Amino acid sequence: MQMIFRVMMATLVLVLPTTLPNAQEAEQQAILKTLQQVRANFRSVDEDGDDRITRNQFRSFVDANAEIAFGMSKQIKRMRAYRRAFNTLDSDGDDILTWQEYVEALRSRGGQG
């Protein structure tokens, strides 16, 4: 799953112009830093390191993402909509959320995970 993250970052680098004005460059760096933190948040709740989290772990993941105001996490936390969000993201319905499922959901929602 690290490969998926690397591919996402490589894709980001490829689509960015080589010379960005300072403001755009700073914004892209901020986005990259946020994505790295989201990945770190996922890893921190994934107790066995298999890139899969349970419903209970998902709650901690959302709460950590809410702290950095990522995507819909603040709203999910405020509305206590963890179950609904998990069900939406768990595309194969196996009650486990993989990093790949999460990344695919981000892509399909334009980064609003």
N, C-alpha and C. Protein backbone atom coordinates (compact mmCIF):
# COMPACT_ATOMS: atom_id res chain seq x y z
N MET A 1 0.81 -1.20 0.00
CA MET A 1 0.00 0.00 0.00
C MET A 1 0.85 1.26 0.00
N GLN A 2 2.09 1.12 0.45
CA GLN A 2 2.99 2.27 0.37
C GLN A 2 3.16 2.66 -1.09
N MET A 3 3.09 1.65 -1.98
CA MET A 3 3.25 1.93 -3.39
C MET A 3 2.13 2.86 -3.89
N ILE A 4 0.91 2.65 -3.42
CA ILE A 4 -0.20 3.51 -3.83
C ILE A 4 0.08 4.94 -3.42
N PHE A 5 0.57 5.12 -2.19
CA PHE A 5 0.89 6.47 -1.73
C PHE A 5 1.99 7.08 -2.59
N ARG A 6 3.01 6.28 -2.90
CA ARG A 6 4.10 6.79 -3.74
C ARG A 6 3.60 7.15 -5.13
N VAL A 7 2.71 6.33 -5.69
CA VAL A 7 2.15 6.62 -7.01
C VAL A 7 1.35 7.91 -6.96
N MET A 8 0.57 8.11 -5.88
CA MET A 8 -0.19 9.35 -5.74
C MET A 8 0.74 10.55 -5.70
N MET A 9 1.82 10.44 -4.94
CA MET A 9 2.76 11.55 -4.84
C MET A 9 3.49 11.78 -6.16
N ALA A 10 3.87 10.71 -6.84
CA ALA A 10 4.54 10.85 -8.13
C ALA A 10 3.61 11.48 -9.15
N THR A 11 2.35 11.10 -9.12
CA THR A 11 1.36 11.68 -10.03
C THR A 11 1.20 13.17 -9.75
N LEU A 12 1.16 13.53 -8.49
CA LEU A 12 1.04 14.93 -8.11
C LEU A 12 2.22 15.72 -8.66
N VAL A 13 3.42 15.16 -8.54
CA VAL A 13 4.61 15.84 -9.03
C VAL A 13 4.56 15.98 -10.55
N LEU A 14 4.08 14.95 -11.24
CA LEU A 14 4.04 14.98 -12.70
C LEU A 14 3.04 16.00 -13.25
N VAL A 15 1.95 16.18 -12.57
CA VAL A 15 0.93 17.09 -13.09
C VAL A 15 1.15 18.54 -12.70
N LEU A 16 2.07 18.78 -11.77
CA LEU A 16 2.35 20.15 -11.38
C LEU A 16 3.33 20.78 -12.36
N PRO A 17 3.13 22.03 -12.72
CA PRO A 17 4.12 22.70 -13.55
C PRO A 17 5.47 22.73 -12.83
N THR A 18 6.55 22.78 -13.60
CA THR A 18 7.87 22.74 -12.97
C THR A 18 8.21 24.04 -12.27
N THR A 19 7.63 25.14 -12.69
CA THR A 19 7.90 26.41 -12.01
C THR A 19 6.58 27.00 -11.53
N LEU A 20 6.34 26.84 -10.26
CA LEU A 20 5.13 27.38 -9.65
C LEU A 20 5.46 28.69 -8.96
N PRO A 21 4.57 29.64 -9.05
CA PRO A 21 4.76 30.84 -8.22
C PRO A 21 4.82 30.42 -6.76
N ASN A 22 5.46 31.22 -5.95
CA ASN A 22 5.68 30.88 -4.54
C ASN A 22 4.40 30.50 -3.81
N ALA A 23 3.32 31.22 -4.04
CA ALA A 23 2.06 30.92 -3.35
C ALA A 23 1.54 29.54 -3.74
N GLN A 24 1.59 29.22 -5.02
CA GLN A 24 1.13 27.90 -5.46
C GLN A 24 2.04 26.81 -4.94
N GLU A 25 3.32 27.06 -4.95
CA GLU A 25 4.27 26.06 -4.45
C GLU A 25 4.02 25.80 -2.97
N ALA A 26 3.79 26.85 -2.22
CA ALA A 26 3.51 26.70 -0.78
C ALA A 26 2.21 25.93 -0.57
N GLU A 27 1.22 26.19 -1.39
CA GLU A 27 -0.06 25.48 -1.28
C GLU A 27 0.12 24.00 -1.58
N GLN A 28 0.88 23.68 -2.62
CA GLN A 28 1.13 22.29 -2.96
C GLN A 28 1.91 21.58 -1.86
N GLN A 29 2.85 22.27 -1.26
CA GLN A 29 3.61 21.69 -0.15
C GLN A 29 2.70 21.43 1.05
N ALA A 30 1.77 22.33 1.29
CA ALA A 30 0.82 22.15 2.39
C ALA A 30 -0.07 20.94 2.13
N ILE A 31 -0.51 20.78 0.89
CA ILE A 31 -1.34 19.63 0.52
C ILE A 31 -0.56 18.34 0.73
N LEU A 32 0.67 18.32 0.27
CA LEU A 32 1.50 17.14 0.42
C LEU A 32 1.71 16.80 1.90
N LYS A 33 1.96 17.81 2.70
CA LYS A 33 2.16 17.60 4.14
C LYS A 33 0.88 17.03 4.78
N THR A 34 -0.27 17.54 4.37
CA THR A 34 -1.54 17.05 4.90
C THR A 34 -1.76 15.59 4.51
N LEU A 35 -1.49 15.26 3.24
CA LEU A 35 -1.65 13.88 2.79
C LEU A 35 -0.71 12.94 3.54
N GLN A 36 0.49 13.39 3.81
CA GLN A 36 1.43 12.58 4.58
C GLN A 36 0.91 12.37 6.00
N GLN A 37 0.28 13.38 6.57
CA GLN A 37 -0.27 13.25 7.92
C GLN A 37 -1.46 12.29 7.93
N VAL A 38 -2.30 12.35 6.89
CA VAL A 38 -3.44 11.43 6.80
C VAL A 38 -2.92 9.99 6.74
N ARG A 39 -1.89 9.78 5.94
CA ARG A 39 -1.29 8.44 5.84
C ARG A 39 -0.73 8.01 7.20
N ALA A 40 -0.07 8.91 7.88
CA ALA A 40 0.47 8.61 9.21
C ALA A 40 -0.66 8.30 10.19
N ASN A 41 -1.76 9.03 10.09
CA ASN A 41 -2.92 8.78 10.96
C ASN A 41 -3.46 7.37 10.72
N PHE A 42 -3.55 6.97 9.46
CA PHE A 42 -4.04 5.62 9.14
C PHE A 42 -3.11 4.58 9.75
N ARG A 43 -1.82 4.77 9.55
CA ARG A 43 -0.84 3.82 10.08
C ARG A 43 -0.88 3.75 11.61
N SER A 44 -1.13 4.88 12.23
CA SER A 44 -1.11 4.90 13.70
C SER A 44 -2.28 4.12 14.30
N VAL A 45 -3.40 4.05 13.62
CA VAL A 45 -4.54 3.28 14.15
C VAL A 45 -4.53 1.83 13.67
N ASP A 46 -3.75 1.54 12.65
CA ASP A 46 -3.61 0.19 12.11
C ASP A 46 -2.64 -0.59 12.99
N GLU A 47 -3.17 -1.21 14.03
CA GLU A 47 -2.35 -1.81 15.07
C GLU A 47 -1.43 -2.93 14.58
N ASP A 48 -1.86 -3.71 13.60
CA ASP A 48 -1.02 -4.81 13.15
C ASP A 48 -0.26 -4.51 11.86
N GLY A 49 -0.41 -3.28 11.34
CA GLY A 49 0.37 -2.85 10.19
C GLY A 49 0.02 -3.52 8.87
N ASP A 50 -1.21 -4.02 8.74
CA ASP A 50 -1.59 -4.70 7.51
C ASP A 50 -2.33 -3.80 6.52
N ASP A 51 -2.34 -2.49 6.78
CA ASP A 51 -3.03 -1.51 5.92
C ASP A 51 -4.54 -1.74 5.86
N ARG A 52 -5.08 -2.24 6.97
CA ARG A 52 -6.52 -2.48 7.10
C ARG A 52 -6.93 -2.03 8.50
N ILE A 53 -8.06 -1.31 8.58
CA ILE A 53 -8.55 -0.89 9.90
C ILE A 53 -9.99 -1.33 10.09
N THR A 54 -10.33 -1.54 11.36
CA THR A 54 -11.68 -1.96 11.73
C THR A 54 -12.56 -0.73 11.94
N ARG A 55 -13.82 -0.97 12.18
CA ARG A 55 -14.75 0.13 12.48
C ARG A 55 -14.29 0.92 13.71
N ASN A 56 -13.85 0.22 14.74
CA ASN A 56 -13.39 0.92 15.95
C ASN A 56 -12.15 1.75 15.67
N GLN A 57 -11.23 1.22 14.90
CA GLN A 57 -10.02 1.96 14.55
C GLN A 57 -10.36 3.14 13.65
N PHE A 58 -11.38 2.98 12.82
CA PHE A 58 -11.81 4.05 11.92
C PHE A 58 -12.21 5.30 12.69
N ARG A 59 -12.87 5.10 13.80
CA ARG A 59 -13.27 6.25 14.62
C ARG A 59 -12.05 7.07 15.04
N SER A 60 -11.00 6.39 15.48
CA SER A 60 -9.77 7.09 15.87
C SER A 60 -9.12 7.77 14.66
N PHE A 61 -9.18 7.12 13.50
CA PHE A 61 -8.64 7.69 12.27
C PHE A 61 -9.37 8.97 11.90
N VAL A 62 -10.69 8.94 11.95
CA VAL A 62 -11.50 10.14 11.64
C VAL A 62 -11.18 11.25 12.63
N ASP A 63 -11.12 10.91 13.91
CA ASP A 63 -10.84 11.92 14.93
C ASP A 63 -9.47 12.57 14.70
N ALA A 64 -8.48 11.77 14.33
CA ALA A 64 -7.14 12.32 14.05
C ALA A 64 -7.18 13.23 12.83
N ASN A 65 -7.94 12.84 11.81
CA ASN A 65 -8.06 13.67 10.62
C ASN A 65 -8.86 14.94 10.90
N ALA A 66 -9.80 14.87 11.81
CA ALA A 66 -10.56 16.06 12.19
C ALA A 66 -9.65 17.09 12.84
N GLU A 67 -8.64 16.62 13.56
CA GLU A 67 -7.69 17.53 14.21
C GLU A 67 -6.93 18.38 13.19
N ILE A 68 -6.74 17.84 11.98
CA ILE A 68 -6.05 18.59 10.93
C ILE A 68 -7.02 19.11 9.88
N ALA A 69 -8.31 19.02 10.20
CA ALA A 69 -9.38 19.53 9.33
C ALA A 69 -9.30 18.94 7.92
N PHE A 70 -9.08 17.63 7.84
CA PHE A 70 -8.99 16.98 6.54
C PHE A 70 -10.35 16.50 6.06
N GLY A 71 -10.69 16.89 4.83
CA GLY A 71 -11.90 16.41 4.19
C GLY A 71 -13.15 16.62 5.03
N MET A 72 -13.92 15.57 5.13
CA MET A 72 -15.20 15.61 5.84
C MET A 72 -15.08 15.14 7.29
N SER A 73 -13.85 14.94 7.75
CA SER A 73 -13.65 14.36 9.09
C SER A 73 -14.28 15.16 10.21
N LYS A 74 -14.16 16.48 10.15
CA LYS A 74 -14.76 17.30 11.22
C LYS A 74 -16.27 17.12 11.27
N GLN A 75 -16.89 17.08 10.08
CA GLN A 75 -18.34 16.90 10.03
C GLN A 75 -18.74 15.51 10.50
N ILE A 76 -17.98 14.50 10.10
CA ILE A 76 -18.28 13.14 10.53
C ILE A 76 -18.21 13.06 12.05
N LYS A 77 -17.17 13.63 12.62
CA LYS A 77 -16.99 13.60 14.08
C LYS A 77 -18.11 14.37 14.77
N ARG A 78 -18.40 15.58 14.28
CA ARG A 78 -19.42 16.42 14.91
C ARG A 78 -20.79 15.75 14.87
N MET A 79 -21.10 15.11 13.74
CA MET A 79 -22.41 14.48 13.57
C MET A 79 -22.43 13.03 14.07
N ARG A 80 -21.27 12.56 14.55
CA ARG A 80 -21.15 11.18 14.99
C ARG A 80 -21.61 10.21 13.90
N ALA A 81 -21.21 10.49 12.68
CA ALA A 81 -21.62 9.70 11.51
C ALA A 81 -20.55 8.69 11.12
N TYR A 82 -19.86 8.14 12.09
CA TYR A 82 -18.78 7.21 11.83
C TYR A 82 -19.27 5.97 11.06
N ARG A 83 -20.37 5.41 11.51
CA ARG A 83 -20.89 4.18 10.87
C ARG A 83 -21.24 4.44 9.41
N ARG A 84 -21.94 5.51 9.17
CA ARG A 84 -22.34 5.84 7.80
C ARG A 84 -21.11 6.07 6.92
N ALA A 85 -20.14 6.83 7.42
CA ALA A 85 -18.92 7.11 6.66
C ALA A 85 -18.16 5.82 6.38
N PHE A 86 -18.03 4.98 7.40
CA PHE A 86 -17.32 3.72 7.21
C PHE A 86 -18.01 2.88 6.15
N ASN A 87 -19.32 2.76 6.23
CA ASN A 87 -20.06 1.95 5.26
C ASN A 87 -19.88 2.49 3.84
N THR A 88 -19.80 3.80 3.70
CA THR A 88 -19.60 4.41 2.39
C THR A 88 -18.21 4.09 1.85
N LEU A 89 -17.21 4.14 2.71
CA LEU A 89 -15.82 3.92 2.28
C LEU A 89 -15.48 2.45 2.09
N ASP A 90 -16.10 1.57 2.85
CA ASP A 90 -15.83 0.13 2.78
C ASP A 90 -16.51 -0.43 1.53
N SER A 91 -15.87 -0.27 0.39
CA SER A 91 -16.50 -0.56 -0.90
C SER A 91 -16.86 -2.03 -1.10
N ASP A 92 -16.12 -2.94 -0.47
CA ASP A 92 -16.45 -4.36 -0.65
C ASP A 92 -17.33 -4.91 0.47
N GLY A 93 -17.67 -4.06 1.44
CA GLY A 93 -18.60 -4.44 2.50
C GLY A 93 -18.12 -5.53 3.43
N ASP A 94 -16.79 -5.66 3.60
CA ASP A 94 -16.26 -6.72 4.46
C ASP A 94 -15.99 -6.27 5.90
N ASP A 95 -16.46 -5.09 6.26
CA ASP A 95 -16.28 -4.52 7.60
C ASP A 95 -14.83 -4.24 7.94
N ILE A 96 -14.00 -4.09 6.94
CA ILE A 96 -12.60 -3.70 7.07
C ILE A 96 -12.35 -2.62 6.04
N LEU A 97 -11.69 -1.54 6.44
CA LEU A 97 -11.34 -0.48 5.50
C LEU A 97 -9.86 -0.58 5.20
N THR A 98 -9.55 -0.81 3.93
CA THR A 98 -8.15 -0.87 3.53
C THR A 98 -7.70 0.52 3.11
N TRP A 99 -6.38 0.72 3.12
CA TRP A 99 -5.83 1.99 2.64
C TRP A 99 -6.23 2.19 1.18
N GLN A 100 -6.21 1.12 0.40
CA GLN A 100 -6.57 1.22 -1.01
C GLN A 100 -8.02 1.69 -1.18
N GLU A 101 -8.93 1.13 -0.40
CA GLU A 101 -10.33 1.57 -0.46
C GLU A 101 -10.44 3.06 -0.12
N TYR A 102 -9.69 3.47 0.90
CA TYR A 102 -9.74 4.87 1.31
C TYR A 102 -9.22 5.79 0.21
N VAL A 103 -8.10 5.41 -0.40
CA VAL A 103 -7.51 6.22 -1.47
C VAL A 103 -8.47 6.29 -2.66
N GLU A 104 -9.08 5.16 -3.01
CA GLU A 104 -10.04 5.17 -4.13
C GLU A 104 -11.23 6.07 -3.83
N ALA A 105 -11.69 6.06 -2.59
CA ALA A 105 -12.80 6.94 -2.20
C ALA A 105 -12.38 8.40 -2.30
N LEU A 106 -11.15 8.70 -1.88
CA LEU A 106 -10.65 10.08 -2.00
C LEU A 106 -10.63 10.53 -3.46
N ARG A 107 -10.13 9.65 -4.31
CA ARG A 107 -10.08 9.99 -5.74
C ARG A 107 -11.47 10.23 -6.30
N SER A 108 -12.40 9.37 -5.96
CA SER A 108 -13.74 9.49 -6.54
C SER A 108 -14.50 10.69 -5.98
N ARG A 109 -14.11 11.17 -4.81
CA ARG A 109 -14.78 12.31 -4.18
C ARG A 109 -13.96 13.60 -4.30
N GLY A 110 -12.92 13.55 -5.08
CA GLY A 110 -12.10 14.75 -5.25
C GLY A 110 -11.36 15.17 -3.99
N GLY A 111 -10.91 14.20 -3.18
CA GLY A 111 -10.14 14.50 -1.98
C GLY A 111 -10.96 14.81 -0.75
N GLN A 112 -12.25 14.54 -0.78
CA GLN A 112 -13.12 14.86 0.36
C GLN A 112 -13.38 13.64 1.23
N GLY A 113 -12.31 12.99 1.68
CA GLY A 113 -12.47 11.79 2.51
C GLY A 113 -12.62 12.09 3.95
